[in-house]
Amino acid sequence: MNRHHRNAVIATTLLASSTASAAISANAATFSLTANGTAQTVNNSAVDLGDGRFAHTGFWANNGMLVQWSNLITSYSVVSGVETAYVSGGFTVKNNNATNPLLLDLSVLMAGTMGWGGTYTGSAGGQGVNFSFNQGTLGAVNGAPVWAGLINGSLVGGAITSTQTVNPFSLASFAPQSFNGSAGSVTNGVGMRLRLTISAGMESSFSGTFAVSVPAPGAVALAGAVGLLGGRRRR
């Protein structure tokens, strides 16, 4: 076997080993929702879109309050030697209760592990309308981000940290915001959290994304091997 053929075999072997080392569960994503501090039961269904992608749709409704999500995609994939798990989609939150505000806390979690050395990115935006005759509020709870990522059960990053006062029959808008950072090692799942306060008589919608990407182990080994082989050729 000549040197060039041997190098090609080594590279092919390393590329084959760069397939998914993660075990992120997109199909079994769990949804947890609390309303005004009390845990609630949600209805959710998942549709397999193929290639590791699942569309989750569901809702929660109680006492004039409604939360819906649709086309929420959770996925795990390997592209060009990079492992990625992500959550993206839209949420509609309506508070048609006559008097009571809603403090909503909704989390989506994909259990599993990924490699070390990853990064995360996210973005979110939204708006709301006050259909009541009273002044209302919409947005963050005590300055905590409305939209944030979850890695190993801990919040990372975040977007929309303001709360707006909304006059009767007026619109509140939150321009899209983005965030990013180092993910470290993913040992206990990836997900996102939506947390907001919405007054009685208001309706809102928020959409966003959160993704974690790490180099596949085989891709890292391949990069090192290519450098090593190149060094050998130069010598």
C-alpha atoms as a PDB file:
ATOM      1  CA  MET A   1       0.000   0.000   0.000  1.00  0.00           C
ATOM      2  CA  ASN A   2       1.544   3.344  -1.018  1.00  0.00           C
ATOM      3  CA  ARG A   3       1.722   6.277   1.350  1.00  0.00           C
ATOM      4  CA  HIS A   4      -1.078   8.309  -0.256  1.00  0.00           C
ATOM      5  CA  HIS A   5      -3.460   5.357  -0.234  1.00  0.00           C
ATOM      6  CA  ARG A   6      -2.601   4.582   3.399  1.00  0.00           C
ATOM      7  CA  ASN A   7      -3.317   8.203   4.375  1.00  0.00           C
ATOM      8  CA  ALA A   8      -6.682   8.064   2.587  1.00  0.00           C
ATOM      9  CA  VAL A   9      -7.625   4.901   4.486  1.00  0.00           C
ATOM     10  CA  ILE A  10      -6.727   6.527   7.817  1.00  0.00           C
ATOM     11  CA  ALA A  11      -8.779   9.635   6.989  1.00  0.00           C
ATOM     12  CA  THR A  12     -11.782   7.540   5.902  1.00  0.00           C
ATOM     13  CA  THR A  13     -11.650   5.517   9.116  1.00  0.00           C
ATOM     14  CA  LEU A  14     -11.559   8.651  11.249  1.00  0.00           C
ATOM     15  CA  LEU A  15     -14.455  10.208   9.359  1.00  0.00           C
ATOM     16  CA  ALA A  16     -16.504   7.075   9.959  1.00  0.00           C
ATOM     17  CA  SER A  17     -15.766   7.347  13.668  1.00  0.00           C
ATOM     18  CA  SER A  18     -17.086  10.931  13.709  1.00  0.00           C
ATOM     19  CA  THR A  19     -20.695   9.786  13.647  1.00  0.00           C
ATOM     20  CA  ALA A  20     -22.918  10.741  16.557  1.00  0.00           C
ATOM     21  CA  SER A  21     -21.406  10.212  19.959  1.00  0.00           C
ATOM     22  CA  ALA A  22     -24.264  12.087  21.587  1.00  0.00           C
ATOM     23  CA  ALA A  23     -27.457  10.513  22.827  1.00  0.00           C
ATOM     24  CA  ILE A  24     -29.841  13.462  22.796  1.00  0.00           C
ATOM     25  CA  SER A  25     -33.459  12.297  22.845  1.00  0.00           C
ATOM     26  CA  ALA A  26     -35.533  14.431  20.486  1.00  0.00           C
ATOM     27  CA  ASN A  27     -38.589  12.167  20.391  1.00  0.00           C
ATOM     28  CA  ALA A  28     -38.911  11.958  24.177  1.00  0.00           C
ATOM     29  CA  ALA A  29     -38.568  15.686  24.867  1.00  0.00           C
ATOM     30  CA  THR A  30     -40.371  16.501  28.131  1.00  0.00           C
ATOM     31  CA  PHE A  31     -42.506  19.578  28.742  1.00  0.00           C
ATOM     32  CA  SER A  32     -42.847  21.006  32.251  1.00  0.00           C
ATOM     33  CA  LEU A  33     -45.196  23.895  32.987  1.00  0.00           C
ATOM     34  CA  THR A  34     -46.052  25.825  36.144  1.00  0.00           C
ATOM     35  CA  ALA A  35     -48.730  28.515  36.342  1.00  0.00           C
ATOM     36  CA  ASN A  36     -48.486  30.968  39.228  1.00  0.00           C
ATOM     37  CA  GLY A  37     -46.141  28.574  41.007  1.00  0.00           C
ATOM     38  CA  THR A  38     -48.269  25.422  40.634  1.00  0.00           C
ATOM     39  CA  ALA A  39     -47.217  22.501  38.420  1.00  0.00           C
ATOM     40  CA  GLN A  40     -49.671  21.702  35.633  1.00  0.00           C
ATOM     41  CA  THR A  41     -50.387  18.793  33.299  1.00  0.00           C
ATOM     42  CA  VAL A  42     -49.819  19.512  29.611  1.00  0.00           C
ATOM     43  CA  ASN A  43     -50.981  17.845  26.415  1.00  0.00           C
ATOM     44  CA  ASN A  44     -48.229  17.254  23.858  1.00  0.00           C
ATOM     45  CA  SER A  45     -47.731  15.106  20.785  1.00  0.00           C
ATOM     46  CA  ALA A  46     -44.656  14.467  18.632  1.00  0.00           C
ATOM     47  CA  VAL A  47     -44.497  13.769  14.907  1.00  0.00           C
ATOM     48  CA  ASP A  48     -41.399  12.173  13.395  1.00  0.00           C
ATOM     49  CA  LEU A  49     -40.191  14.335  10.501  1.00  0.00           C
ATOM     50  CA  GLY A  50     -37.225  12.089   9.763  1.00  0.00           C
ATOM     51  CA  ASP A  51     -33.493  12.707  10.041  1.00  0.00           C
ATOM     52  CA  GLY A  52     -33.754  12.954  13.825  1.00  0.00           C
ATOM     53  CA  ARG A  53     -36.277  15.823  13.706  1.00  0.00           C
ATOM     54  CA  PHE A  54     -39.566  15.861  15.593  1.00  0.00           C
ATOM     55  CA  ALA A  55     -42.402  18.405  15.525  1.00  0.00           C
ATOM     56  CA  HIS A  56     -43.997  18.874  18.940  1.00  0.00           C
ATOM     57  CA  THR A  57     -47.444  20.451  19.265  1.00  0.00           C
ATOM     58  CA  GLY A  58     -49.426  20.865  22.454  1.00  0.00           C
ATOM     59  CA  PHE A  59     -51.302  23.068  24.879  1.00  0.00           C
ATOM     60  CA  TRP A  60     -52.320  23.801  28.433  1.00  0.00           C
ATOM     61  CA  ALA A  61     -55.580  25.511  29.361  1.00  0.00           C
ATOM     62  CA  ASN A  62     -57.191  26.424  32.680  1.00  0.00           C
ATOM     63  CA  ASN A  63     -59.504  29.125  34.007  1.00  0.00           C
ATOM     64  CA  GLY A  64     -59.343  31.282  30.892  1.00  0.00           C
ATOM     65  CA  MET A  65     -55.579  30.895  30.540  1.00  0.00           C
ATOM     66  CA  LEU A  66     -54.103  29.161  27.489  1.00  0.00           C
ATOM     67  CA  VAL A  67     -50.605  28.229  26.354  1.00  0.00           C
ATOM     68  CA  GLN A  68     -50.056  26.647  22.937  1.00  0.00           C
ATOM     69  CA  TRP A  69     -46.953  25.550  21.044  1.00  0.00           C
ATOM     70  CA  SER A  70     -46.695  24.384  17.463  1.00  0.00           C
ATOM     71  CA  ASN A  71     -43.929  23.392  15.071  1.00  0.00           C
ATOM     72  CA  LEU A  72     -41.598  23.182  18.025  1.00  0.00           C
ATOM     73  CA  ILE A  73     -38.708  21.201  16.550  1.00  0.00           C
ATOM     74  CA  THR A  74     -36.252  19.279  18.677  1.00  0.00           C
ATOM     75  CA  SER A  75     -33.409  17.586  16.900  1.00  0.00           C
ATOM     76  CA  TYR A  76     -29.994  15.998  17.008  1.00  0.00           C
ATOM     77  CA  SER A  77     -27.786  15.841  13.953  1.00  0.00           C
ATOM     78  CA  VAL A  78     -24.181  15.640  12.767  1.00  0.00           C
ATOM     79  CA  VAL A  79     -23.199  17.928   9.895  1.00  0.00           C
ATOM     80  CA  SER A  80     -19.621  18.381   8.666  1.00  0.00           C
ATOM     81  CA  GLY A  81     -18.220  16.844  11.823  1.00  0.00           C
ATOM     82  CA  VAL A  82     -20.286  19.005  14.218  1.00  0.00           C
ATOM     83  CA  GLU A  83     -22.914  17.552  16.567  1.00  0.00           C
ATOM     84  CA  THR A  84     -25.921  19.821  17.116  1.00  0.00           C
ATOM     85  CA  ALA A  85     -29.021  19.605  19.305  1.00  0.00           C
ATOM     86  CA  TYR A  86     -31.585  22.391  19.067  1.00  0.00           C
ATOM     87  CA  VAL A  87     -35.011  23.615  20.112  1.00  0.00           C
ATOM     88  CA  SER A  88     -36.924  26.145  18.038  1.00  0.00           C
ATOM     89  CA  GLY A  89     -40.503  27.210  17.622  1.00  0.00           C
ATOM     90  CA  GLY A  90     -43.317  29.468  18.657  1.00  0.00           C
ATOM     91  CA  PHE A  91     -45.515  29.850  21.719  1.00  0.00           C
ATOM     92  CA  THR A  92     -48.868  31.578  22.117  1.00  0.00           C
ATOM     93  CA  VAL A  93     -49.843  32.692  25.622  1.00  0.00           C
ATOM     94  CA  LYS A  94     -53.340  34.022  26.320  1.00  0.00           C
ATOM     95  CA  ASN A  95     -54.680  35.223  29.632  1.00  0.00           C
ATOM     96  CA  ASN A  96     -58.408  35.682  29.192  1.00  0.00           C
ATOM     97  CA  ASN A  97     -59.037  35.406  32.913  1.00  0.00           C
ATOM     98  CA  ALA A  98     -61.109  38.349  34.113  1.00  0.00           C
ATOM     99  CA  THR A  99     -58.778  39.463  36.910  1.00  0.00           C
ATOM    100  CA  ASN A 100     -55.813  37.170  37.625  1.00  0.00           C
ATOM    101  CA  PRO A 101     -52.336  37.664  36.093  1.00  0.00           C
ATOM    102  CA  LEU A 102     -50.414  34.619  34.859  1.00  0.00           C
ATOM    103  CA  LEU A 103     -46.827  33.898  35.808  1.00  0.00           C
ATOM    104  CA  LEU A 104     -45.820  31.206  33.332  1.00  0.00           C
ATOM    105  CA  ASP A 105     -42.786  28.942  33.541  1.00  0.00           C
ATOM    106  CA  LEU A 106     -42.465  26.425  30.691  1.00  0.00           C
ATOM    107  CA  SER A 107     -39.422  24.204  30.108  1.00  0.00           C
ATOM    108  CA  VAL A 108     -38.602  21.828  27.265  1.00  0.00           C
ATOM    109  CA  LEU A 109     -35.851  19.276  27.903  1.00  0.00           C
ATOM    110  CA  MET A 110     -34.132  16.752  25.663  1.00  0.00           C
ATOM    111  CA  ALA A 111     -32.315  14.261  27.859  1.00  0.00           C
ATOM    112  CA  GLY A 112     -28.918  12.887  26.947  1.00  0.00           C
ATOM    113  CA  THR A 113     -25.243  13.713  26.597  1.00  0.00           C
ATOM    114  CA  MET A 114     -22.939  15.415  24.124  1.00  0.00           C
ATOM    115  CA  GLY A 115     -19.190  15.892  23.941  1.00  0.00           C
ATOM    116  CA  TRP A 116     -17.005  18.522  25.563  1.00  0.00           C
ATOM    117  CA  GLY A 117     -15.945  21.848  24.055  1.00  0.00           C
ATOM    118  CA  GLY A 118     -19.280  22.980  22.655  1.00  0.00           C
ATOM    119  CA  THR A 119     -20.876  26.374  22.177  1.00  0.00           C
ATOM    120  CA  TYR A 120     -24.458  27.539  22.449  1.00  0.00           C
ATOM    121  CA  THR A 121     -26.459  30.130  20.541  1.00  0.00           C
ATOM    122  CA  GLY A 122     -29.980  31.418  20.970  1.00  0.00           C
ATOM    123  CA  SER A 123     -32.407  34.137  19.982  1.00  0.00           C
ATOM    124  CA  ALA A 124     -35.961  35.194  20.767  1.00  0.00           C
ATOM    125  CA  GLY A 125     -38.524  37.925  20.196  1.00  0.00           C
ATOM    126  CA  GLY A 126     -42.210  38.478  20.787  1.00  0.00           C
ATOM    127  CA  GLN A 127     -45.188  40.755  21.143  1.00  0.00           C
ATOM    128  CA  GLY A 128     -48.483  41.098  22.976  1.00  0.00           C
ATOM    129  CA  VAL A 129     -51.789  42.941  22.861  1.00  0.00           C
ATOM    130  CA  ASN A 130     -53.820  44.246  25.799  1.00  0.00           C
ATOM    131  CA  PHE A 131     -57.499  43.656  25.073  1.00  0.00           C
ATOM    132  CA  SER A 132     -58.691  44.858  28.475  1.00  0.00           C
ATOM    133  CA  PHE A 133     -59.784  48.302  29.703  1.00  0.00           C
ATOM    134  CA  ASN A 134     -57.060  48.191  32.347  1.00  0.00           C
ATOM    135  CA  GLN A 135     -53.355  48.878  32.110  1.00  0.00           C
ATOM    136  CA  GLY A 136     -51.396  45.636  31.910  1.00  0.00           C
ATOM    137  CA  THR A 137     -47.862  44.228  32.006  1.00  0.00           C
ATOM    138  CA  LEU A 138     -46.023  41.754  29.834  1.00  0.00           C
ATOM    139  CA  GLY A 139     -42.472  40.440  29.879  1.00  0.00           C
ATOM    140  CA  ALA A 140     -39.736  39.316  32.240  1.00  0.00           C
ATOM    141  CA  VAL A 141     -40.206  38.230  35.848  1.00  0.00           C
ATOM    142  CA  ASN A 142     -37.845  40.110  38.183  1.00  0.00           C
ATOM    143  CA  GLY A 143     -35.378  40.692  35.352  1.00  0.00           C
ATOM    144  CA  ALA A 144     -34.927  36.996  34.533  1.00  0.00           C
ATOM    145  CA  PRO A 145     -34.862  36.345  30.758  1.00  0.00           C
ATOM    146  CA  VAL A 146     -38.141  35.442  29.107  1.00  0.00           C
ATOM    147  CA  TRP A 147     -36.256  32.988  26.864  1.00  0.00           C
ATOM    148  CA  ALA A 148     -33.173  31.104  28.060  1.00  0.00           C
ATOM    149  CA  GLY A 149     -31.241  27.957  27.238  1.00  0.00           C
ATOM    150  CA  LEU A 150     -30.878  24.911  29.465  1.00  0.00           C
ATOM    151  CA  ILE A 151     -27.719  22.810  29.682  1.00  0.00           C
ATOM    152  CA  ASN A 152     -27.400  20.117  32.348  1.00  0.00           C
ATOM    153  CA  GLY A 153     -30.492  21.555  34.027  1.00  0.00           C
ATOM    154  CA  SER A 154     -28.952  25.012  34.462  1.00  0.00           C
ATOM    155  CA  LEU A 155     -29.964  28.216  32.700  1.00  0.00           C
ATOM    156  CA  VAL A 156     -27.493  29.670  30.199  1.00  0.00           C
ATOM    157  CA  GLY A 157     -27.729  32.884  28.235  1.00  0.00           C
ATOM    158  CA  GLY A 158     -31.064  34.535  27.721  1.00  0.00           C
ATOM    159  CA  ALA A 159     -33.080  37.113  25.801  1.00  0.00           C
ATOM    160  CA  ILE A 160     -35.744  39.686  26.737  1.00  0.00           C
ATOM    161  CA  THR A 161     -35.131  40.834  30.311  1.00  0.00           C
ATOM    162  CA  SER A 162     -37.514  43.799  30.321  1.00  0.00           C
ATOM    163  CA  THR A 163     -41.153  44.141  31.343  1.00  0.00           C
ATOM    164  CA  GLN A 164     -43.443  46.517  29.500  1.00  0.00           C
ATOM    165  CA  THR A 165     -46.462  48.385  30.763  1.00  0.00           C
ATOM    166  CA  VAL A 166     -49.181  48.063  28.135  1.00  0.00           C
ATOM    167  CA  ASN A 167     -52.053  50.526  27.886  1.00  0.00           C
ATOM    168  CA  PRO A 168     -55.578  49.288  27.127  1.00  0.00           C
ATOM    169  CA  PHE A 169     -55.966  48.065  23.540  1.00  0.00           C
ATOM    170  CA  SER A 170     -52.292  48.688  22.826  1.00  0.00           C
ATOM    171  CA  LEU A 171     -49.409  46.597  21.495  1.00  0.00           C
ATOM    172  CA  ALA A 172     -46.121  45.691  23.191  1.00  0.00           C
ATOM    173  CA  SER A 173     -43.184  44.473  21.096  1.00  0.00           C
ATOM    174  CA  PHE A 174     -39.896  42.825  22.056  1.00  0.00           C
ATOM    175  CA  ALA A 175     -37.368  43.065  19.232  1.00  0.00           C
ATOM    176  CA  PRO A 176     -35.435  39.862  18.488  1.00  0.00           C
ATOM    177  CA  GLN A 177     -32.383  39.425  20.709  1.00  0.00           C
ATOM    178  CA  SER A 178     -29.556  36.893  20.479  1.00  0.00           C
ATOM    179  CA  PHE A 179     -27.032  35.368  22.870  1.00  0.00           C
ATOM    180  CA  ASN A 180     -24.163  32.889  22.783  1.00  0.00           C
ATOM    181  CA  GLY A 181     -21.468  31.348  24.952  1.00  0.00           C
ATOM    182  CA  SER A 182     -19.434  28.281  25.870  1.00  0.00           C
ATOM    183  CA  ALA A 183     -21.406  25.116  26.577  1.00  0.00           C
ATOM    184  CA  GLY A 184     -18.618  23.151  28.261  1.00  0.00           C
ATOM    185  CA  SER A 185     -19.594  19.503  28.601  1.00  0.00           C
ATOM    186  CA  VAL A 186     -23.203  18.372  28.141  1.00  0.00           C
ATOM    187  CA  THR A 187     -23.818  15.514  30.582  1.00  0.00           C
ATOM    188  CA  ASN A 188     -27.501  15.922  31.413  1.00  0.00           C
ATOM    189  CA  GLY A 189     -29.550  17.224  28.530  1.00  0.00           C
ATOM    190  CA  VAL A 190     -30.301  20.303  26.449  1.00  0.00           C
ATOM    191  CA  GLY A 191     -33.426  22.448  26.380  1.00  0.00           C
ATOM    192  CA  MET A 192     -34.995  25.872  26.826  1.00  0.00           C
ATOM    193  CA  ARG A 193     -37.182  27.801  29.270  1.00  0.00           C
ATOM    194  CA  LEU A 194     -39.935  30.339  28.631  1.00  0.00           C
ATOM    195  CA  ARG A 195     -40.748  32.418  31.721  1.00  0.00           C
ATOM    196  CA  LEU A 196     -42.981  35.485  31.650  1.00  0.00           C
ATOM    197  CA  THR A 197     -45.701  37.445  33.345  1.00  0.00           C
ATOM    198  CA  ILE A 198     -48.860  38.419  31.461  1.00  0.00           C
ATOM    199  CA  SER A 199     -51.774  40.424  32.851  1.00  0.00           C
ATOM    200  CA  ALA A 200     -55.439  39.510  32.643  1.00  0.00           C
ATOM    201  CA  GLY A 201     -56.957  40.351  29.279  1.00  0.00           C
ATOM    202  CA  MET A 202     -53.724  40.063  27.303  1.00  0.00           C
ATOM    203  CA  GLU A 203     -52.580  37.786  24.489  1.00  0.00           C
ATOM    204  CA  SER A 204     -48.973  37.293  23.358  1.00  0.00           C
ATOM    205  CA  SER A 205     -46.706  35.260  21.130  1.00  0.00           C
ATOM    206  CA  PHE A 206     -42.990  34.500  21.449  1.00  0.00           C
ATOM    207  CA  SER A 207     -40.646  32.585  19.192  1.00  0.00           C
ATOM    208  CA  GLY A 208     -37.018  31.659  19.446  1.00  0.00           C
ATOM    209  CA  THR A 209     -34.230  29.130  19.079  1.00  0.00           C
ATOM    210  CA  PHE A 210     -31.588  27.502  21.247  1.00  0.00           C
ATOM    211  CA  ALA A 211     -28.831  25.269  19.891  1.00  0.00           C
ATOM    212  CA  VAL A 212     -25.781  23.499  21.308  1.00  0.00           C
ATOM    213  CA  SER A 213     -22.998  22.389  18.953  1.00  0.00           C
ATOM    214  CA  VAL A 214     -19.870  20.380  19.716  1.00  0.00           C
ATOM    215  CA  PRO A 215     -17.137  18.957  17.485  1.00  0.00           C
ATOM    216  CA  ALA A 216     -17.695  15.251  16.900  1.00  0.00           C
ATOM    217  CA  PRO A 217     -14.823  13.287  18.487  1.00  0.00           C
ATOM    218  CA  GLY A 218     -13.869  11.683  15.183  1.00  0.00           C
ATOM    219  CA  ALA A 219     -13.724  15.078  13.497  1.00  0.00           C
ATOM    220  CA  VAL A 220     -11.301  16.331  16.155  1.00  0.00           C
ATOM    221  CA  ALA A 221      -9.156  13.242  15.682  1.00  0.00           C
ATOM    222  CA  LEU A 222      -9.303  13.693  11.928  1.00  0.00           C
ATOM    223  CA  ALA A 223      -8.104  17.294  12.140  1.00  0.00           C
ATOM    224  CA  GLY A 224      -5.166  16.189  14.269  1.00  0.00           C
ATOM    225  CA  ALA A 225      -4.369  13.293  11.971  1.00  0.00           C
ATOM    226  CA  VAL A 226      -4.467  15.485   8.868  1.00  0.00           C
ATOM    227  CA  GLY A 227      -1.996  17.861  10.512  1.00  0.00           C
ATOM    228  CA  LEU A 228       0.210  14.966  11.516  1.00  0.00           C
ATOM    229  CA  LEU A 229       0.142  13.421   8.061  1.00  0.00           C
ATOM    230  CA  GLY A 230       0.834  16.793   6.470  1.00  0.00           C
ATOM    231  CA  GLY A 231       3.818  17.205   8.761  1.00  0.00           C
ATOM    232  CA  ARG A 232       5.106  13.817   7.750  1.00  0.00           C
ATOM    233  CA  ARG A 233       4.787  14.690   4.058  1.00  0.00           C
ATOM    234  CA  ARG A 234       6.743  17.919   4.588  1.00  0.00           C
ATOM    235  CA  ARG A 235       9.520  15.967   6.254  1.00  0.00           C
END
